Amino acid sequence: MMTRRKNNAPVDEMLQRFIELSLTQHEALLYLETGPYNRAYMKIKKLVEELEARPGDQRHALIELFDHDNPQVRLNAAKHAHPLYPDKAIQIVQSIIDAKRFRRKSMPRMYFHF
């Protein structure tokens, strides 16, 4: 019988791994690579399950990533912290959507400004 290995890493290390995996997803999205995206997704899912299983539900540490520079990191953090911080998570997702709308509206001016 195979036993599941428990992750004994400190929460800070787990957050760093969460960031790395989210950045992997971001890059995979840019190049339309579903394999790397899906593998990173499964690893993030396991990592978040481990955070949740720790005493005191350590998913609350994900709120530290709500201000990260990368939108994929913010999106993943908001998604997995939503049960603990629903209002803040929704604000994060909305800010990502709004930033994309603003970028699209301003892009033609950037290219055609003389």
C-alpha atoms as a PDB file:
ATOM      1  CA  MET A   1       0.000   0.000   0.000  1.00  0.00           C
ATOM      2  CA  MET A   2       1.310   3.397  -0.970  1.00  0.00           C
ATOM      3  CA  THR A   3       1.288   6.075   1.723  1.00  0.00           C
ATOM      4  CA  ARG A   4       0.964   9.744   0.968  1.00  0.00           C
ATOM      5  CA  ARG A   5       4.021  11.742   1.973  1.00  0.00           C
ATOM      6  CA  LYS A   6       3.180  14.715   4.151  1.00  0.00           C
ATOM      7  CA  ASN A   7       4.758  18.051   3.291  1.00  0.00           C
ATOM      8  CA  ASN A   8       6.639  19.413   6.307  1.00  0.00           C
ATOM      9  CA  ALA A   9       7.883  22.556   4.562  1.00  0.00           C
ATOM     10  CA  PRO A  10       7.338  25.897   6.286  1.00  0.00           C
ATOM     11  CA  VAL A  11       4.433  27.970   4.987  1.00  0.00           C
ATOM     12  CA  ASP A  12       6.836  30.562   3.513  1.00  0.00           C
ATOM     13  CA  GLU A  13       8.464  27.861   1.359  1.00  0.00           C
ATOM     14  CA  MET A  14       5.058  26.619   0.281  1.00  0.00           C
ATOM     15  CA  LEU A  15       4.087  30.148  -0.759  1.00  0.00           C
ATOM     16  CA  GLN A  16       7.277  30.437  -2.778  1.00  0.00           C
ATOM     17  CA  ARG A  17       6.445  27.159  -4.508  1.00  0.00           C
ATOM     18  CA  PHE A  18       2.894  28.457  -5.125  1.00  0.00           C
ATOM     19  CA  ILE A  19       4.391  31.511  -6.843  1.00  0.00           C
ATOM     20  CA  GLU A  20       6.737  29.381  -8.977  1.00  0.00           C
ATOM     21  CA  LEU A  21       3.892  27.124 -10.089  1.00  0.00           C
ATOM     22  CA  SER A  22       1.641  30.093 -10.845  1.00  0.00           C
ATOM     23  CA  LEU A  23       4.402  31.648 -12.956  1.00  0.00           C
ATOM     24  CA  THR A  24       4.725  28.331 -14.794  1.00  0.00           C
ATOM     25  CA  GLN A  25       1.010  28.530 -15.539  1.00  0.00           C
ATOM     26  CA  HIS A  26       1.381  32.123 -16.718  1.00  0.00           C
ATOM     27  CA  GLU A  27       4.123  31.175 -19.160  1.00  0.00           C
ATOM     28  CA  ALA A  28       2.175  28.126 -20.345  1.00  0.00           C
ATOM     29  CA  LEU A  29      -0.810  30.372 -21.081  1.00  0.00           C
ATOM     30  CA  LEU A  30       1.364  32.704 -23.140  1.00  0.00           C
ATOM     31  CA  TYR A  31       2.523  29.809 -25.322  1.00  0.00           C
ATOM     32  CA  LEU A  32      -0.806  27.909 -25.258  1.00  0.00           C
ATOM     33  CA  GLU A  33       0.816  24.861 -23.636  1.00  0.00           C
ATOM     34  CA  THR A  34      -1.894  22.895 -21.859  1.00  0.00           C
ATOM     35  CA  GLY A  35       0.361  20.141 -20.511  1.00  0.00           C
ATOM     36  CA  PRO A  36       2.605  22.347 -18.354  1.00  0.00           C
ATOM     37  CA  TYR A  37      -0.418  24.421 -17.290  1.00  0.00           C
ATOM     38  CA  ASN A  38      -2.357  21.344 -16.143  1.00  0.00           C
ATOM     39  CA  ARG A  39       0.634  19.828 -14.316  1.00  0.00           C
ATOM     40  CA  ALA A  40       1.192  23.092 -12.451  1.00  0.00           C
ATOM     41  CA  TYR A  41      -2.527  23.229 -11.642  1.00  0.00           C
ATOM     42  CA  MET A  42      -2.460  19.779 -10.040  1.00  0.00           C
ATOM     43  CA  LYS A  43       0.619  20.668  -7.996  1.00  0.00           C
ATOM     44  CA  ILE A  44      -1.012  23.909  -6.819  1.00  0.00           C
ATOM     45  CA  LYS A  45      -4.136  21.972  -5.872  1.00  0.00           C
ATOM     46  CA  LYS A  46      -2.107  19.539  -3.732  1.00  0.00           C
ATOM     47  CA  LEU A  47      -0.175  22.390  -2.150  1.00  0.00           C
ATOM     48  CA  VAL A  48      -3.391  24.223  -1.217  1.00  0.00           C
ATOM     49  CA  GLU A  49      -4.878  21.006   0.184  1.00  0.00           C
ATOM     50  CA  GLU A  50      -1.805  20.698   2.405  1.00  0.00           C
ATOM     51  CA  LEU A  51      -2.161  24.325   3.563  1.00  0.00           C
ATOM     52  CA  GLU A  52      -5.812  23.682   4.397  1.00  0.00           C
ATOM     53  CA  ALA A  53      -4.998  20.501   6.343  1.00  0.00           C
ATOM     54  CA  ARG A  54      -2.479  22.257   8.582  1.00  0.00           C
ATOM     55  CA  PRO A  55      -3.592  23.454  12.011  1.00  0.00           C
ATOM     56  CA  GLY A  56      -5.535  26.686  11.685  1.00  0.00           C
ATOM     57  CA  ASP A  57      -6.099  26.307   7.923  1.00  0.00           C
ATOM     58  CA  GLN A  58      -2.969  27.987   6.612  1.00  0.00           C
ATOM     59  CA  ARG A  59      -4.630  29.091   3.369  1.00  0.00           C
ATOM     60  CA  HIS A  60      -4.907  32.484   5.016  1.00  0.00           C
ATOM     61  CA  ALA A  61      -1.206  32.949   4.128  1.00  0.00           C
ATOM     62  CA  LEU A  62      -2.275  33.261   0.471  1.00  0.00           C
ATOM     63  CA  ILE A  63      -3.531  36.782   1.191  1.00  0.00           C
ATOM     64  CA  GLU A  64       0.133  37.845   1.115  1.00  0.00           C
ATOM     65  CA  LEU A  65       0.066  37.141  -2.628  1.00  0.00           C
ATOM     66  CA  PHE A  66      -2.911  39.405  -3.380  1.00  0.00           C
ATOM     67  CA  ASP A  67      -0.467  42.227  -4.189  1.00  0.00           C
ATOM     68  CA  HIS A  68       1.932  40.175  -6.321  1.00  0.00           C
ATOM     69  CA  ASP A  69       3.041  41.718  -9.623  1.00  0.00           C
ATOM     70  CA  ASN A  70       1.916  38.753 -11.721  1.00  0.00           C
ATOM     71  CA  PRO A  71      -1.823  38.469 -12.439  1.00  0.00           C
ATOM     72  CA  GLN A  72      -1.752  34.648 -12.527  1.00  0.00           C
ATOM     73  CA  VAL A  73      -0.275  34.553  -9.012  1.00  0.00           C
ATOM     74  CA  ARG A  74      -2.979  36.971  -7.798  1.00  0.00           C
ATOM     75  CA  LEU A  75      -5.719  35.002  -9.562  1.00  0.00           C
ATOM     76  CA  ASN A  76      -4.611  31.665  -8.103  1.00  0.00           C
ATOM     77  CA  ALA A  77      -4.235  33.156  -4.618  1.00  0.00           C
ATOM     78  CA  ALA A  78      -7.697  34.732  -4.822  1.00  0.00           C
ATOM     79  CA  LYS A  79      -9.246  31.520  -6.109  1.00  0.00           C
ATOM     80  CA  HIS A  80      -7.865  29.399  -3.292  1.00  0.00           C
ATOM     81  CA  ALA A  81      -8.318  31.986  -0.519  1.00  0.00           C
ATOM     82  CA  HIS A  82     -11.893  32.774  -1.567  1.00  0.00           C
ATOM     83  CA  PRO A  83     -13.491  30.559   1.117  1.00  0.00           C
ATOM     84  CA  LEU A  84     -11.646  32.547   3.799  1.00  0.00           C
ATOM     85  CA  TYR A  85     -11.702  36.025   2.222  1.00  0.00           C
ATOM     86  CA  PRO A  86     -14.600  36.089  -0.263  1.00  0.00           C
ATOM     87  CA  ASP A  87     -14.952  39.873  -0.615  1.00  0.00           C
ATOM     88  CA  LYS A  88     -11.234  40.529  -0.999  1.00  0.00           C
ATOM     89  CA  ALA A  89     -10.837  37.617  -3.445  1.00  0.00           C
ATOM     90  CA  ILE A  90     -13.618  38.986  -5.634  1.00  0.00           C
ATOM     91  CA  GLN A  91     -11.982  42.438  -5.591  1.00  0.00           C
ATOM     92  CA  ILE A  92      -8.689  40.896  -6.754  1.00  0.00           C
ATOM     93  CA  VAL A  93     -10.346  39.070  -9.649  1.00  0.00           C
ATOM     94  CA  GLN A  94     -12.247  42.210 -10.639  1.00  0.00           C
ATOM     95  CA  SER A  95      -9.022  44.255 -10.599  1.00  0.00           C
ATOM     96  CA  ILE A  96      -7.410  41.739 -12.976  1.00  0.00           C
ATOM     97  CA  ILE A  97     -10.392  41.974 -15.321  1.00  0.00           C
ATOM     98  CA  ASP A  98     -10.365  45.778 -15.168  1.00  0.00           C
ATOM     99  CA  ALA A  99      -6.622  45.924 -15.879  1.00  0.00           C
ATOM    100  CA  LYS A 100      -7.084  43.806 -19.015  1.00  0.00           C
ATOM    101  CA  ARG A 101      -9.913  46.055 -20.236  1.00  0.00           C
ATOM    102  CA  PHE A 102      -7.801  49.163 -19.692  1.00  0.00           C
ATOM    103  CA  ARG A 103      -4.843  47.620 -21.506  1.00  0.00           C
ATOM    104  CA  ARG A 104      -6.956  46.713 -24.540  1.00  0.00           C
ATOM    105  CA  LYS A 105      -8.452  50.202 -24.785  1.00  0.00           C
ATOM    106  CA  SER A 106      -5.072  51.922 -24.576  1.00  0.00           C
ATOM    107  CA  MET A 107      -3.149  49.624 -26.943  1.00  0.00           C
ATOM    108  CA  PRO A 108      -4.310  51.152 -30.262  1.00  0.00           C
ATOM    109  CA  ARG A 109      -3.233  54.589 -29.053  1.00  0.00           C
ATOM    110  CA  MET A 110       0.202  53.237 -28.183  1.00  0.00           C
ATOM    111  CA  TYR A 111       0.699  51.815 -31.649  1.00  0.00           C
ATOM    112  CA  PHE A 112      -0.681  54.762 -33.607  1.00  0.00           C
ATOM    113  CA  HIS A 113       0.592  57.683 -31.559  1.00  0.00           C
ATOM    114  CA  PHE A 114       2.790  59.942 -33.706  1.00  0.00           C
END
